[in-house]
């Protein structure tokens, strides 16, 4: 599954990269415990723009920033870069809604998780 029949990483794999980048951020920066946290995140919307192909075994680097944070939702902006490149090969926008683990009802993003998201938020000036 590394490369598709055209010799580059297949588009579907980028969503797996995005998921890994977001989850690593939530665990390392937000204190998220995947098996025990009282709230979990559901991806409710996602998109990806493919800008240039990559091929295995090229090394990749992921970047993440928070575009918008609401009461129970957050919009992630994710980029995939070749290891020594400064231009993204793909960029994604994904929205998580955080819900109670058991009831699946939306719950506010609080505490360390919200602080981590706020610290990763960017403001765009005109």
PDB file of N, CA and C in Angstrom:
ATOM      1  N   UNK A   1       0.815  -1.217   0.000  1.00  0.00           N
ATOM      2  CA  UNK A   1       0.000   0.000   0.000  1.00  0.00           C
ATOM      3  C   UNK A   1       0.852   1.272   0.000  1.00  0.00           C
ATOM      4  N   UNK A   2       2.170   1.129  -0.029  1.00  0.00           N
ATOM      5  CA  UNK A   2       2.994   2.328   0.032  1.00  0.00           C
ATOM      6  C   UNK A   2       2.770   3.241  -1.172  1.00  0.00           C
ATOM      7  N   UNK A   3       2.896   2.688  -2.368  1.00  0.00           N
ATOM      8  CA  UNK A   3       2.685   3.451  -3.594  1.00  0.00           C
ATOM      9  C   UNK A   3       1.592   2.775  -4.407  1.00  0.00           C
ATOM     10  N   UNK A   4       0.828   3.570  -5.148  1.00  0.00           N
ATOM     11  CA  UNK A   4      -0.213   2.987  -5.993  1.00  0.00           C
ATOM     12  C   UNK A   4       0.371   2.639  -7.361  1.00  0.00           C
ATOM     13  N   UNK A   5      -0.467   2.256  -8.277  1.00  0.00           N
ATOM     14  CA  UNK A   5       0.007   1.811  -9.590  1.00  0.00           C
ATOM     15  C   UNK A   5       0.659   2.928 -10.406  1.00  0.00           C
ATOM     16  N   UNK A   6       0.488   4.180  -9.973  1.00  0.00           N
ATOM     17  CA  UNK A   6       1.102   5.305 -10.662  1.00  0.00           C
ATOM     18  C   UNK A   6       2.441   5.690 -10.043  1.00  0.00           C
ATOM     19  N   UNK A   7       2.831   4.977  -8.973  1.00  0.00           N
ATOM     20  CA  UNK A   7       4.132   5.213  -8.358  1.00  0.00           C
ATOM     21  C   UNK A   7       4.154   6.289  -7.298  1.00  0.00           C
ATOM     22  N   UNK A   8       2.986   6.721  -6.844  1.00  0.00           N
ATOM     23  CA  UNK A   8       2.961   7.710  -5.761  1.00  0.00           C
ATOM     24  C   UNK A   8       1.980   7.275  -4.681  1.00  0.00           C
ATOM     25  N   UNK A   9       2.106   7.900  -3.510  1.00  0.00           N
ATOM     26  CA  UNK A   9       1.219   7.583  -2.391  1.00  0.00           C
ATOM     27  C   UNK A   9      -0.211   7.886  -2.803  1.00  0.00           C
ATOM     28  N   UNK A  10      -1.090   6.923  -2.626  1.00  0.00           N
ATOM     29  CA  UNK A  10      -2.492   7.079  -3.014  1.00  0.00           C
ATOM     30  C   UNK A  10      -3.186   8.125  -2.140  1.00  0.00           C
ATOM     31  N   UNK A  11      -4.122   8.847  -2.744  1.00  0.00           N
ATOM     32  CA  UNK A  11      -4.819   9.934  -2.048  1.00  0.00           C
ATOM     33  C   UNK A  11      -5.441   9.518  -0.725  1.00  0.00           C
ATOM     34  N   UNK A  12      -5.990   8.318  -0.653  1.00  0.00           N
ATOM     35  CA  UNK A  12      -6.672   7.890   0.563  1.00  0.00           C
ATOM     36  C   UNK A  12      -5.718   7.843   1.764  1.00  0.00           C
ATOM     37  N   UNK A  13      -4.434   7.613   1.525  1.00  0.00           N
ATOM     38  CA  UNK A  13      -3.475   7.530   2.627  1.00  0.00           C
ATOM     39  C   UNK A  13      -3.287   8.865   3.342  1.00  0.00           C
ATOM     40  N   UNK A  14      -3.534   9.964   2.660  1.00  0.00           N
ATOM     41  CA  UNK A  14      -3.358  11.266   3.294  1.00  0.00           C
ATOM     42  C   UNK A  14      -4.306  11.440   4.480  1.00  0.00           C
ATOM     43  N   UNK A  15      -5.501  10.874   4.385  1.00  0.00           N
ATOM     44  CA  UNK A  15      -6.432  10.980   5.505  1.00  0.00           C
ATOM     45  C   UNK A  15      -5.918  10.221   6.722  1.00  0.00           C
ATOM     46  N   UNK A  16      -5.219   9.138   6.492  1.00  0.00           N
ATOM     47  CA  UNK A  16      -4.586   8.414   7.589  1.00  0.00           C
ATOM     48  C   UNK A  16      -3.471   9.261   8.201  1.00  0.00           C
ATOM     49  N   UNK A  17      -2.691   9.930   7.368  1.00  0.00           N
ATOM     50  CA  UNK A  17      -1.657  10.838   7.884  1.00  0.00           C
ATOM     51  C   UNK A  17      -2.297  11.932   8.734  1.00  0.00           C
ATOM     52  N   UNK A  18      -3.368  12.528   8.226  1.00  0.00           N
ATOM     53  CA  UNK A  18      -4.048  13.599   8.966  1.00  0.00           C
ATOM     54  C   UNK A  18      -4.512  13.100  10.324  1.00  0.00           C
ATOM     55  N   UNK A  19      -5.106  11.914  10.338  1.00  0.00           N
ATOM     56  CA  UNK A  19      -5.608  11.332  11.579  1.00  0.00           C
ATOM     57  C   UNK A  19      -4.476  11.143  12.585  1.00  0.00           C
ATOM     58  N   UNK A  20      -3.347  10.638  12.128  1.00  0.00           N
ATOM     59  CA  UNK A  20      -2.196  10.429  13.010  1.00  0.00           C
ATOM     60  C   UNK A  20      -1.684  11.755  13.566  1.00  0.00           C
ATOM     61  N   UNK A  21      -1.570  12.762  12.722  1.00  0.00           N
ATOM     62  CA  UNK A  21      -1.082  14.076  13.167  1.00  0.00           C
ATOM     63  C   UNK A  21      -2.011  14.668  14.223  1.00  0.00           C
ATOM     64  N   UNK A  22      -3.310  14.632  13.971  1.00  0.00           N
ATOM     65  CA  UNK A  22      -4.288  15.182  14.911  1.00  0.00           C
ATOM     66  C   UNK A  22      -4.266  14.406  16.223  1.00  0.00           C
ATOM     67  N   UNK A  23      -4.276  13.075  16.143  1.00  0.00           N
ATOM     68  CA  UNK A  23      -4.281  12.270  17.363  1.00  0.00           C
ATOM     69  C   UNK A  23      -3.014  12.475  18.186  1.00  0.00           C
ATOM     70  N   UNK A  24      -1.875  12.586  17.519  1.00  0.00           N
ATOM     71  CA  UNK A  24      -0.629  12.837  18.245  1.00  0.00           C
ATOM     72  C   UNK A  24      -0.707  14.177  18.973  1.00  0.00           C
ATOM     73  N   UNK A  25      -1.239  15.188  18.314  1.00  0.00           N
ATOM     74  CA  UNK A  25      -1.416  16.492  18.959  1.00  0.00           C
ATOM     75  C   UNK A  25      -2.331  16.386  20.182  1.00  0.00           C
ATOM     76  N   UNK A  26      -3.476  15.729  20.017  1.00  0.00           N
ATOM     77  CA  UNK A  26      -4.431  15.615  21.125  1.00  0.00           C
ATOM     78  C   UNK A  26      -3.825  14.877  22.310  1.00  0.00           C
ATOM     79  N   UNK A  27      -3.069  13.820  22.050  1.00  0.00           N
ATOM     80  CA  UNK A  27      -2.462  13.029  23.120  1.00  0.00           C
ATOM     81  C   UNK A  27      -1.319  13.797  23.786  1.00  0.00           C
ATOM     82  N   UNK A  28      -0.381  14.298  22.974  1.00  0.00           N
ATOM     83  CA  UNK A  28       0.811  14.922  23.529  1.00  0.00           C
ATOM     84  C   UNK A  28       0.571  16.317  24.087  1.00  0.00           C
ATOM     85  N   UNK A  29      -0.250  17.097  23.430  1.00  0.00           N
ATOM     86  CA  UNK A  29      -0.459  18.477  23.865  1.00  0.00           C
ATOM     87  C   UNK A  29      -1.738  18.662  24.686  1.00  0.00           C
ATOM     88  N   UNK A  30      -2.778  17.885  24.344  1.00  0.00           N
ATOM     89  CA  UNK A  30      -4.076  18.088  24.986  1.00  0.00           C
ATOM     90  C   UNK A  30      -4.379  17.156  26.138  1.00  0.00           C
ATOM     91  N   UNK A  31      -3.483  16.197  26.402  1.00  0.00           N
ATOM     92  CA  UNK A  31      -3.715  15.274  27.498  1.00  0.00           C
ATOM     93  C   UNK A  31      -4.796  14.242  27.230  1.00  0.00           C
ATOM     94  N   UNK A  32      -5.128  14.029  25.962  1.00  0.00           N
ATOM     95  CA  UNK A  32      -6.168  13.076  25.606  1.00  0.00           C
ATOM     96  C   UNK A  32      -5.699  11.649  25.870  1.00  0.00           C
ATOM     97  N   UNK A  33      -6.556  10.861  26.497  1.00  0.00           N
ATOM     98  CA  UNK A  33      -6.310   9.438  26.747  1.00  0.00           C
ATOM     99  C   UNK A  33      -7.303   8.653  25.894  1.00  0.00           C
ATOM    100  N   UNK A  34      -6.857   8.081  24.771  1.00  0.00           N
ATOM    101  CA  UNK A  34      -7.781   7.460  23.817  1.00  0.00           C
ATOM    102  C   UNK A  34      -8.753   6.440  24.405  1.00  0.00           C
ATOM    103  N   UNK A  35      -8.330   5.664  25.380  1.00  0.00           N
ATOM    104  CA  UNK A  35      -9.192   4.603  25.898  1.00  0.00           C
ATOM    105  C   UNK A  35     -10.011   5.003  27.121  1.00  0.00           C
ATOM    106  N   UNK A  36      -9.662   6.145  27.748  1.00  0.00           N
ATOM    107  CA  UNK A  36     -10.333   6.475  29.005  1.00  0.00           C
ATOM    108  C   UNK A  36     -10.903   7.885  29.106  1.00  0.00           C
ATOM    109  N   UNK A  37     -10.548   8.782  28.202  1.00  0.00           N
ATOM    110  CA  UNK A  37     -11.071  10.156  28.301  1.00  0.00           C
ATOM    111  C   UNK A  37     -12.593  10.142  28.241  1.00  0.00           C
ATOM    112  N   UNK A  38     -13.205  11.055  28.981  1.00  0.00           N
ATOM    113  CA  UNK A  38     -14.667  11.091  29.040  1.00  0.00           C
ATOM    114  C   UNK A  38     -15.297  11.599  27.756  1.00  0.00           C
ATOM    115  N   UNK A  39     -14.524  12.306  26.938  1.00  0.00           N
ATOM    116  CA  UNK A  39     -15.043  12.755  25.654  1.00  0.00           C
ATOM    117  C   UNK A  39     -14.146  12.254  24.542  1.00  0.00           C
ATOM    118  N   UNK A  40     -14.758  12.074  23.385  1.00  0.00           N
ATOM    119  CA  UNK A  40     -14.036  11.639  22.193  1.00  0.00           C
ATOM    120  C   UNK A  40     -14.417  12.566  21.042  1.00  0.00           C
ATOM    121  N   UNK A  41     -13.613  12.558  20.002  1.00  0.00           N
ATOM    122  CA  UNK A  41     -13.887  13.423  18.858  1.00  0.00           C
ATOM    123  C   UNK A  41     -14.391  12.641  17.673  1.00  0.00           C
ATOM    124  N   UNK A  42     -15.441  13.157  17.046  1.00  0.00           N
ATOM    125  CA  UNK A  42     -15.969  12.605  15.792  1.00  0.00           C
ATOM    126  C   UNK A  42     -15.624  13.568  14.663  1.00  0.00           C
ATOM    127  N   UNK A  43     -14.999  13.058  13.605  1.00  0.00           N
ATOM    128  CA  UNK A  43     -14.778  13.891  12.420  1.00  0.00           C
ATOM    129  C   UNK A  43     -16.126  14.036  11.711  1.00  0.00           C
ATOM    130  N   UNK A  44     -16.575  15.277  11.536  1.00  0.00           N
ATOM    131  CA  UNK A  44     -17.877  15.517  10.901  1.00  0.00           C
ATOM    132  C   UNK A  44     -17.733  16.128   9.506  1.00  0.00           C
ATOM    133  N   UNK A  45     -16.511  16.576   9.193  1.00  0.00           N
ATOM    134  CA  UNK A  45     -16.278  17.153   7.867  1.00  0.00           C
ATOM    135  C   UNK A  45     -14.785  17.080   7.580  1.00  0.00           C
ATOM    136  N   UNK A  46     -14.438  16.805   6.325  1.00  0.00           N
ATOM    137  CA  UNK A  46     -13.027  16.779   5.967  1.00  0.00           C
ATOM    138  C   UNK A  46     -12.860  17.080   4.482  1.00  0.00           C
ATOM    139  N   UNK A  47     -11.694  17.615   4.163  1.00  0.00           N
ATOM    140  CA  UNK A  47     -11.341  17.847   2.769  1.00  0.00           C
ATOM    141  C   UNK A  47      -9.828  17.792   2.638  1.00  0.00           C
ATOM    142  N   UNK A  48      -9.368  17.569   1.415  1.00  0.00           N
ATOM    143  CA  UNK A  48      -7.942  17.532   1.145  1.00  0.00           C
ATOM    144  C   UNK A  48      -7.677  18.118  -0.228  1.00  0.00           C
ATOM    145  N   UNK A  49      -6.639  18.938  -0.309  1.00  0.00           N
ATOM    146  CA  UNK A  49      -6.155  19.438  -1.598  1.00  0.00           C
ATOM    147  C   UNK A  49      -4.785  18.824  -1.830  1.00  0.00           C
ATOM    148  N   UNK A  50      -4.641  18.146  -2.949  1.00  0.00           N
ATOM    149  CA  UNK A  50      -3.394  17.493  -3.306  1.00  0.00           C
ATOM    150  C   UNK A  50      -2.618  18.441  -4.211  1.00  0.00           C
ATOM    151  N   UNK A  51      -1.428  18.815  -3.789  1.00  0.00           N
ATOM    152  CA  UNK A  51      -0.677  19.844  -4.505  1.00  0.00           C
ATOM    153  C   UNK A  51       0.491  19.288  -5.305  1.00  0.00           C
ATOM    154  N   UNK A  52       1.137  18.246  -4.796  1.00  0.00           N
ATOM    155  CA  UNK A  52       2.221  17.594  -5.530  1.00  0.00           C
ATOM    156  C   UNK A  52       2.372  16.171  -5.004  1.00  0.00           C
ATOM    157  N   UNK A  53       2.713  15.236  -5.872  1.00  0.00           N
ATOM    158  CA  UNK A  53       2.797  13.841  -5.441  1.00  0.00           C
ATOM    159  C   UNK A  53       4.012  13.575  -4.556  1.00  0.00           C
ATOM    160  N   UNK A  54       3.874  12.576  -3.701  1.00  0.00           N
ATOM    161  CA  UNK A  54       4.987  12.037  -2.931  1.00  0.00           C
ATOM    162  C   UNK A  54       5.010  10.535  -3.177  1.00  0.00           C
ATOM    163  N   UNK A  55       6.188   9.950  -3.018  1.00  0.00           N
ATOM    164  CA  UNK A  55       6.349   8.513  -3.238  1.00  0.00           C
ATOM    165  C   UNK A  55       7.156   7.912  -2.102  1.00  0.00           C
ATOM    166  N   UNK A  56       6.744   6.732  -1.678  1.00  0.00           N
ATOM    167  CA  UNK A  56       7.525   5.996  -0.710  1.00  0.00           C
ATOM    168  C   UNK A  56       8.810   5.544  -1.400  1.00  0.00           C
ATOM    169  N   UNK A  57       9.968   5.694  -0.799  1.00  0.00           N
ATOM    170  CA  UNK A  57      10.274   5.907   0.610  1.00  0.00           C
ATOM    171  C   UNK A  57      10.620   7.341   1.001  1.00  0.00           C
ATOM    172  N   UNK A  58      10.083   8.355   0.286  1.00  0.00           N
ATOM    173  CA  UNK A  58      10.339   9.736   0.712  1.00  0.00           C
ATOM    174  C   UNK A  58       9.876   9.920   2.153  1.00  0.00           C
ATOM    175  N   UNK A  59      10.633  10.681   2.911  1.00  0.00           N
ATOM    176  CA  UNK A  59      10.251  10.970   4.286  1.00  0.00           C
ATOM    177  C   UNK A  59       9.349  12.200   4.289  1.00  0.00           C
ATOM    178  N   UNK A  60       8.310  12.136   5.118  1.00  0.00           N
ATOM    179  CA  UNK A  60       7.322  13.206   5.181  1.00  0.00           C
ATOM    180  C   UNK A  60       7.277  13.809   6.574  1.00  0.00           C
ATOM    181  N   UNK A  61       6.833  15.053   6.628  1.00  0.00           N
ATOM    182  CA  UNK A  61       6.652  15.772   7.880  1.00  0.00           C
ATOM    183  C   UNK A  61       5.249  16.355   7.859  1.00  0.00           C
ATOM    184  N   UNK A  62       4.566  16.279   8.981  1.00  0.00           N
ATOM    185  CA  UNK A  62       3.228  16.840   9.090  1.00  0.00           C
ATOM    186  C   UNK A  62       3.229  18.089   9.947  1.00  0.00           C
ATOM    187  N   UNK A  63       2.360  19.013   9.602  1.00  0.00           N
ATOM    188  CA  UNK A  63       2.172  20.221  10.393  1.00  0.00           C
ATOM    189  C   UNK A  63       0.697  20.406  10.701  1.00  0.00           C
ATOM    190  N   UNK A  64       0.415  21.021  11.845  1.00  0.00           N
ATOM    191  CA  UNK A  64      -0.965  21.222  12.267  1.00  0.00           C
ATOM    192  C   UNK A  64      -1.119  22.599  12.884  1.00  0.00           C
ATOM    193  N   UNK A  65      -2.235  23.203  12.597  1.00  0.00           N
ATOM    194  CA  UNK A  65      -2.641  24.426  13.304  1.00  0.00           C
ATOM    195  C   UNK A  65      -4.147  24.384  13.456  1.00  0.00           C
ATOM    196  N   UNK A  66      -4.626  25.157  14.395  1.00  0.00           N
ATOM    197  CA  UNK A  66      -6.061  25.236  14.646  1.00  0.00           C
ATOM    198  C   UNK A  66      -6.587  26.466  13.911  1.00  0.00           C
ATOM    199  N   UNK A  67      -7.572  26.257  13.053  1.00  0.00           N
ATOM    200  CA  UNK A  67      -8.163  27.370  12.320  1.00  0.00           C
ATOM    201  C   UNK A  67      -9.271  28.047  13.098  1.00  0.00           C
ATOM    202  N   UNK A  68     -10.061  27.239  13.824  1.00  0.00           N
ATOM    203  CA  UNK A  68     -11.207  27.780  14.567  1.00  0.00           C
ATOM    204  C   UNK A  68     -11.555  26.806  15.677  1.00  0.00           C
ATOM    205  N   UNK A  69     -11.908  27.356  16.824  1.00  0.00           N
ATOM    206  CA  UNK A  69     -12.373  26.521  17.928  1.00  0.00           C
ATOM    207  C   UNK A  69     -13.699  27.074  18.424  1.00  0.00           C
ATOM    208  N   UNK A  70     -14.664  26.184  18.565  1.00  0.00           N
ATOM    209  CA  UNK A  70     -15.970  26.561  19.085  1.00  0.00           C
ATOM    210  C   UNK A  70     -16.165  25.986  20.477  1.00  0.00           C
ATOM    211  N   UNK A  71     -17.395  25.848  20.898  1.00  0.00           N
ATOM    212  CA  UNK A  71     -17.685  25.280  22.217  1.00  0.00           C
ATOM    213  C   UNK A  71     -17.321  23.796  22.263  1.00  0.00           C
ATOM    214  N   UNK A  72     -17.793  23.032  21.278  1.00  0.00           N
ATOM    215  CA  UNK A  72     -17.519  21.592  21.253  1.00  0.00           C
ATOM    216  C   UNK A  72     -16.845  21.147  19.951  1.00  0.00           C
ATOM    217  N   UNK A  73     -16.531  22.081  19.081  1.00  0.00           N
ATOM    218  CA  UNK A  73     -15.934  21.708  17.793  1.00  0.00           C
ATOM    219  C   UNK A  73     -14.628  22.455  17.566  1.00  0.00           C
ATOM    220  N   UNK A  74     -13.816  21.869  16.703  1.00  0.00           N
ATOM    221  CA  UNK A  74     -12.532  22.466  16.352  1.00  0.00           C
ATOM    222  C   UNK A  74     -12.238  22.151  14.894  1.00  0.00           C
ATOM    223  N   UNK A  75     -11.666  23.127  14.183  1.00  0.00           N
ATOM    224  CA  UNK A  75     -11.252  22.929  12.797  1.00  0.00           C
ATOM    225  C   UNK A  75      -9.736  22.873  12.752  1.00  0.00           C
ATOM    226  N   UNK A  76      -9.213  21.743  12.277  1.00  0.00           N
ATOM    227  CA  UNK A  76      -7.778  21.550  12.125  1.00  0.00           C
ATOM    228  C   UNK A  76      -7.380  21.857  10.692  1.00  0.00           C
ATOM    229  N   UNK A  77      -6.231  22.484  10.542  1.00  0.00           N
ATOM    230  CA  UNK A  77      -5.624  22.698   9.235  1.00  0.00           C
ATOM    231  C   UNK A  77      -4.310  21.928   9.259  1.00  0.00           C
ATOM    232  N   UNK A  78      -4.177  20.945   8.363  1.00  0.00           N
ATOM    233  CA  UNK A  78      -3.049  20.021   8.384  1.00  0.00           C
ATOM    234  C   UNK A  78      -2.311  20.097   7.057  1.00  0.00           C
ATOM    235  N   UNK A  79      -0.989  20.044   7.132  1.00  0.00           N
ATOM    236  CA  UNK A  79      -0.173  20.021   5.923  1.00  0.00           C
ATOM    237  C   UNK A  79       0.778  18.841   5.935  1.00  0.00           C
ATOM    238  N   UNK A  80       1.024  18.276   4.764  1.00  0.00           N
ATOM    239  CA  UNK A  80       1.995  17.211   4.587  1.00  0.00           C
ATOM    240  C   UNK A  80       3.107  17.769   3.700  1.00  0.00           C
ATOM    241  N   UNK A  81       4.332  17.673   4.197  1.00  0.00           N
ATOM    242  CA  UNK A  81       5.500  18.229   3.516  1.00  0.00           C
ATOM    243  C   UNK A  81       6.536  17.135   3.290  1.00  0.00           C
ATOM    244  N   UNK A  82       7.280  17.227   2.197  1.00  0.00           N
ATOM    245  CA  UNK A  82       8.466  16.388   2.047  1.00  0.00           C
ATOM    246  C   UNK A  82       9.455  16.837   3.118  1.00  0.00           C
ATOM    247  N   UNK A  83      10.269  15.911   3.606  1.00  0.00           N
ATOM    248  CA  UNK A  83      11.101  16.166   4.778  1.00  0.00           C
ATOM    249  C   UNK A  83      11.868  17.488   4.732  1.00  0.00           C
ATOM    250  N   UNK A  84      12.471  17.824   3.646  1.00  0.00           N
ATOM    251  CA  UNK A  84      13.257  19.058   3.589  1.00  0.00           C
ATOM    252  C   UNK A  84      12.588  20.118   2.708  1.00  0.00           C
ATOM    253  N   UNK A  85      11.295  19.974   2.500  1.00  0.00           N
ATOM    254  CA  UNK A  85      10.572  20.918   1.655  1.00  0.00           C
ATOM    255  C   UNK A  85       9.895  21.999   2.475  1.00  0.00           C
ATOM    256  N   UNK A  86       9.637  23.109   1.841  1.00  0.00           N
ATOM    257  CA  UNK A  86       8.925  24.184   2.527  1.00  0.00           C
ATOM    258  C   UNK A  86       7.569  24.468   1.901  1.00  0.00           C
ATOM    259  N   UNK A  87       7.191  23.648   0.928  1.00  0.00           N
ATOM    260  CA  UNK A  87       5.889  23.772   0.287  1.00  0.00           C
ATOM    261  C   UNK A  87       5.102  22.489   0.539  1.00  0.00           C
ATOM    262  N   UNK A  88       3.869  22.637   0.956  1.00  0.00           N
ATOM    263  CA  UNK A  88       3.043  21.467   1.264  1.00  0.00           C
ATOM    264  C   UNK A  88       2.755  20.657   0.009  1.00  0.00           C
ATOM    265  N   UNK A  89       2.788  19.336   0.155  1.00  0.00           N
ATOM    266  CA  UNK A  89       2.370  18.428  -0.913  1.00  0.00           C
ATOM    267  C   UNK A  89       0.868  18.195  -0.867  1.00  0.00           C
ATOM    268  N   UNK A  90       0.289  18.334   0.328  1.00  0.00           N
ATOM    269  CA  UNK A  90      -1.162  18.211   0.501  1.00  0.00           C
ATOM    270  C   UNK A  90      -1.559  19.014   1.731  1.00  0.00           C
ATOM    271  N   UNK A  91      -2.760  19.583   1.684  1.00  0.00           N
ATOM    272  CA  UNK A  91      -3.304  20.301   2.841  1.00  0.00           C
ATOM    273  C   UNK A  91      -4.724  19.800   3.091  1.00  0.00           C
ATOM    274  N   UNK A  92      -5.050  19.664   4.362  1.00  0.00           N
ATOM    275  CA  UNK A  92      -6.368  19.176   4.731  1.00  0.00           C
ATOM    276  C   UNK A  92      -7.042  20.068   5.737  1.00  0.00           C
ATOM    277  N   UNK A  93      -8.357  20.060   5.716  1.00  0.00           N
ATOM    278  CA  UNK A  93      -9.191  20.726   6.711  1.00  0.00           C
ATOM    279  C   UNK A  93     -10.122  19.667   7.275  1.00  0.00           C
ATOM    280  N   UNK A  94     -10.098  19.525   8.594  1.00  0.00           N
ATOM    281  CA  UNK A  94     -10.914  18.510   9.250  1.00  0.00           C
ATOM    282  C   UNK A  94     -11.582  19.129  10.466  1.00  0.00           C
ATOM    283  N   UNK A  95     -12.831  18.773  10.702  1.00  0.00           N
ATOM    284  CA  UNK A  95     -13.575  19.285  11.848  1.00  0.00           C
ATOM    285  C   UNK A  95     -13.949  18.136  12.771  1.00  0.00           C
ATOM    286  N   UNK A  96     -13.556  18.291  14.026  1.00  0.00           N
ATOM    287  CA  UNK A  96     -13.939  17.359  15.089  1.00  0.00           C
ATOM    288  C   UNK A  96     -15.065  17.989  15.898  1.00  0.00           C
ATOM    289  N   UNK A  97     -16.056  17.209  16.256  1.00  0.00           N
ATOM    290  CA  UNK A  97     -17.012  17.578  17.299  1.00  0.00           C
ATOM    291  C   UNK A  97     -16.737  16.642  18.454  1.00  0.00           C
ATOM    292  N   UNK A  98     -16.488  17.222  19.636  1.00  0.00           N
ATOM    293  CA  UNK A  98     -16.222  16.405  20.815  1.00  0.00           C
ATOM    294  C   UNK A  98     -17.538  16.066  21.498  1.00  0.00           C
ATOM    295  N   UNK A  99     -17.660  14.782  21.815  1.00  0.00           N
ATOM    296  CA  UNK A  99     -18.894  14.253  22.390  1.00  0.00           C
ATOM    297  C   UNK A  99     -18.571  13.415  23.617  1.00  0.00           C
ATOM    298  N   UNK A 100     -19.590  13.226  24.456  1.00  0.00           N
ATOM    299  CA  UNK A 100     -19.464  12.316  25.581  1.00  0.00           C
ATOM    300  C   UNK A 100     -19.227  10.902  25.045  1.00  0.00           C
ATOM    301  N   UNK A 101     -18.266  10.218  25.625  1.00  0.00           N
ATOM    302  CA  UNK A 101     -17.903   8.876  25.156  1.00  0.00           C
ATOM    303  C   UNK A 101     -19.085   7.918  25.125  1.00  0.00           C
ATOM    304  N   UNK A 102     -20.008   8.028  26.071  1.00  0.00           N
ATOM    305  CA  UNK A 102     -21.100   7.064  26.186  1.00  0.00           C
ATOM    306  C   UNK A 102     -22.397   7.514  25.510  1.00  0.00           C
ATOM    307  N   UNK A 103     -22.742   8.803  25.648  1.00  0.00           N
ATOM    308  CA  UNK A 103     -24.017   9.271  25.091  1.00  0.00           C
ATOM    309  C   UNK A 103     -23.891   9.812  23.677  1.00  0.00           C
ATOM    310  N   UNK A 104     -22.664  10.130  23.270  1.00  0.00           N
ATOM    311  CA  UNK A 104     -22.374  10.732  21.963  1.00  0.00           C
ATOM    312  C   UNK A 104     -23.028  12.099  21.784  1.00  0.00           C
ATOM    313  N   UNK A 105     -23.347  12.749  22.893  1.00  0.00           N
ATOM    314  CA  UNK A 105     -23.868  14.114  22.860  1.00  0.00           C
ATOM    315  C   UNK A 105     -22.707  15.097  22.915  1.00  0.00           C
ATOM    316  N   UNK A 106     -22.773  16.197  22.140  1.00  0.00           N
ATOM    317  CA  UNK A 106     -21.690  17.176  22.158  1.00  0.00           C
ATOM    318  C   UNK A 106     -21.398  17.678  23.579  1.00  0.00           C
ATOM    319  N   UNK A 107     -20.093  17.835  23.864  1.00  0.00           N
ATOM    320  CA  UNK A 107     -19.651  18.349  25.156  1.00  0.00           C
ATOM    321  C   UNK A 107     -18.608  19.427  24.924  1.00  0.00           C
ATOM    322  N   UNK A 108     -18.556  20.412  25.813  1.00  0.00           N
ATOM    323  CA  UNK A 108     -17.580  21.501  25.653  1.00  0.00           C
ATOM    324  C   UNK A 108     -16.137  21.000  25.733  1.00  0.00           C
ATOM    325  N   UNK A 109     -15.289  21.615  24.936  1.00  0.00           N
ATOM    326  CA  UNK A 109     -13.853  21.360  25.005  1.00  0.00           C
ATOM    327  C   UNK A 109     -13.331  22.220  26.147  1.00  0.00           C
ATOM    328  N   UNK A 110     -12.716  21.586  27.155  1.00  0.00           N
ATOM    329  CA  UNK A 110     -12.281  22.314  28.350  1.00  0.00           C
ATOM    330  C   UNK A 110     -10.835  21.995  28.703  1.00  0.00           C
ATOM    331  N   UNK A 111     -10.366  22.722  29.712  1.00  0.00           N
ATOM    332  CA  UNK A 111      -9.104  22.418  30.370  1.00  0.00           C
ATOM    333  C   UNK A 111      -7.899  22.393  29.458  1.00  0.00           C
ATOM    334  N   UNK A 112      -7.035  21.387  29.698  1.00  0.00           N
ATOM    335  CA  UNK A 112      -5.769  21.263  28.978  1.00  0.00           C
ATOM    336  C   UNK A 112      -5.985  21.133  27.477  1.00  0.00           C
ATOM    337  N   UNK A 113      -7.042  20.441  27.089  1.00  0.00           N
ATOM    338  CA  UNK A 113      -7.324  20.262  25.660  1.00  0.00           C
ATOM    339  C   UNK A 113      -7.599  21.622  25.004  1.00  0.00           C
ATOM    340  N   UNK A 114      -8.454  22.434  25.614  1.00  0.00           N
ATOM    341  CA  UNK A 114      -8.759  23.751  25.050  1.00  0.00           C
ATOM    342  C   UNK A 114      -7.514  24.629  25.031  1.00  0.00           C
ATOM    343  N   UNK A 115      -6.729  24.577  26.095  1.00  0.00           N
ATOM    344  CA  UNK A 115      -5.501  25.395  26.151  1.00  0.00           C
ATOM    345  C   UNK A 115      -4.550  25.004  25.024  1.00  0.00           C
ATOM    346  N   UNK A 116      -4.398  23.705  24.782  1.00  0.00           N
ATOM    347  CA  UNK A 116      -3.521  23.249  23.703  1.00  0.00           C
ATOM    348  C   UNK A 116      -4.029  23.746  22.354  1.00  0.00           C
ATOM    349  N   UNK A 117      -5.334  23.669  22.170  1.00  0.00           N
ATOM    350  CA  UNK A 117      -5.910  24.127  20.902  1.00  0.00           C
ATOM    351  C   UNK A 117      -5.729  25.627  20.718  1.00  0.00           C
ATOM    352  N   UNK A 118      -5.948  26.377  21.787  1.00  0.00           N
ATOM    353  CA  UNK A 118      -5.766  27.824  21.702  1.00  0.00           C
ATOM    354  C   UNK A 118      -4.318  28.180  21.385  1.00  0.00           C
ATOM    355  N   UNK A 119      -3.376  27.422  21.936  1.00  0.00           N
ATOM    356  CA  UNK A 119      -1.954  27.714  21.680  1.00  0.00           C
ATOM    357  C   UNK A 119      -1.560  27.361  20.243  1.00  0.00           C
ATOM    358  N   UNK A 120      -2.320  26.462  19.602  1.00  0.00           N
ATOM    359  CA  UNK A 120      -2.019  26.076  18.215  1.00  0.00           C
ATOM    360  C   UNK A 120      -2.858  26.853  17.214  1.00  0.00           C
ATOM    361  N   UNK A 121      -3.619  27.812  17.710  1.00  0.00           N
ATOM    362  CA  UNK A 121      -4.488  28.593  16.837  1.00  0.00           C
ATOM    363  C   UNK A 121      -3.696  29.697  16.172  1.00  0.00           C
ATOM    364  N   UNK A 122      -4.033  29.980  14.936  1.00  0.00           N
ATOM    365  CA  UNK A 122      -3.356  31.047  14.205  1.00  0.00           C
ATOM    366  C   UNK A 122      -4.387  32.112  13.859  1.00  0.00           C
ATOM    367  N   UNK A 123      -3.899  33.319  13.792  1.00  0.00           N
ATOM    368  CA  UNK A 123      -4.776  34.391  13.317  1.00  0.00           C
ATOM    369  C   UNK A 123      -4.207  34.892  11.999  1.00  0.00           C
ATOM    370  N   UNK A 124      -5.094  35.116  11.084  1.00  0.00           N
ATOM    371  CA  UNK A 124      -4.692  35.597   9.767  1.00  0.00           C
ATOM    372  C   UNK A 124      -5.037  37.066   9.683  1.00  0.00           C
ATOM    373  N   UNK A 125      -4.025  37.869   9.404  1.00  0.00           N
ATOM    374  CA  UNK A 125      -4.258  39.308   9.293  1.00  0.00           C
ATOM    375  C   UNK A 125      -4.353  39.691   7.822  1.00  0.00           C
ATOM    376  N   UNK A 126      -5.176  40.666   7.540  1.00  0.00           N
ATOM    377  CA  UNK A 126      -5.322  41.153   6.172  1.00  0.00           C
ATOM    378  C   UNK A 126      -4.107  41.953   5.743  1.00  0.00           C
TER     379      UNK A 126
END
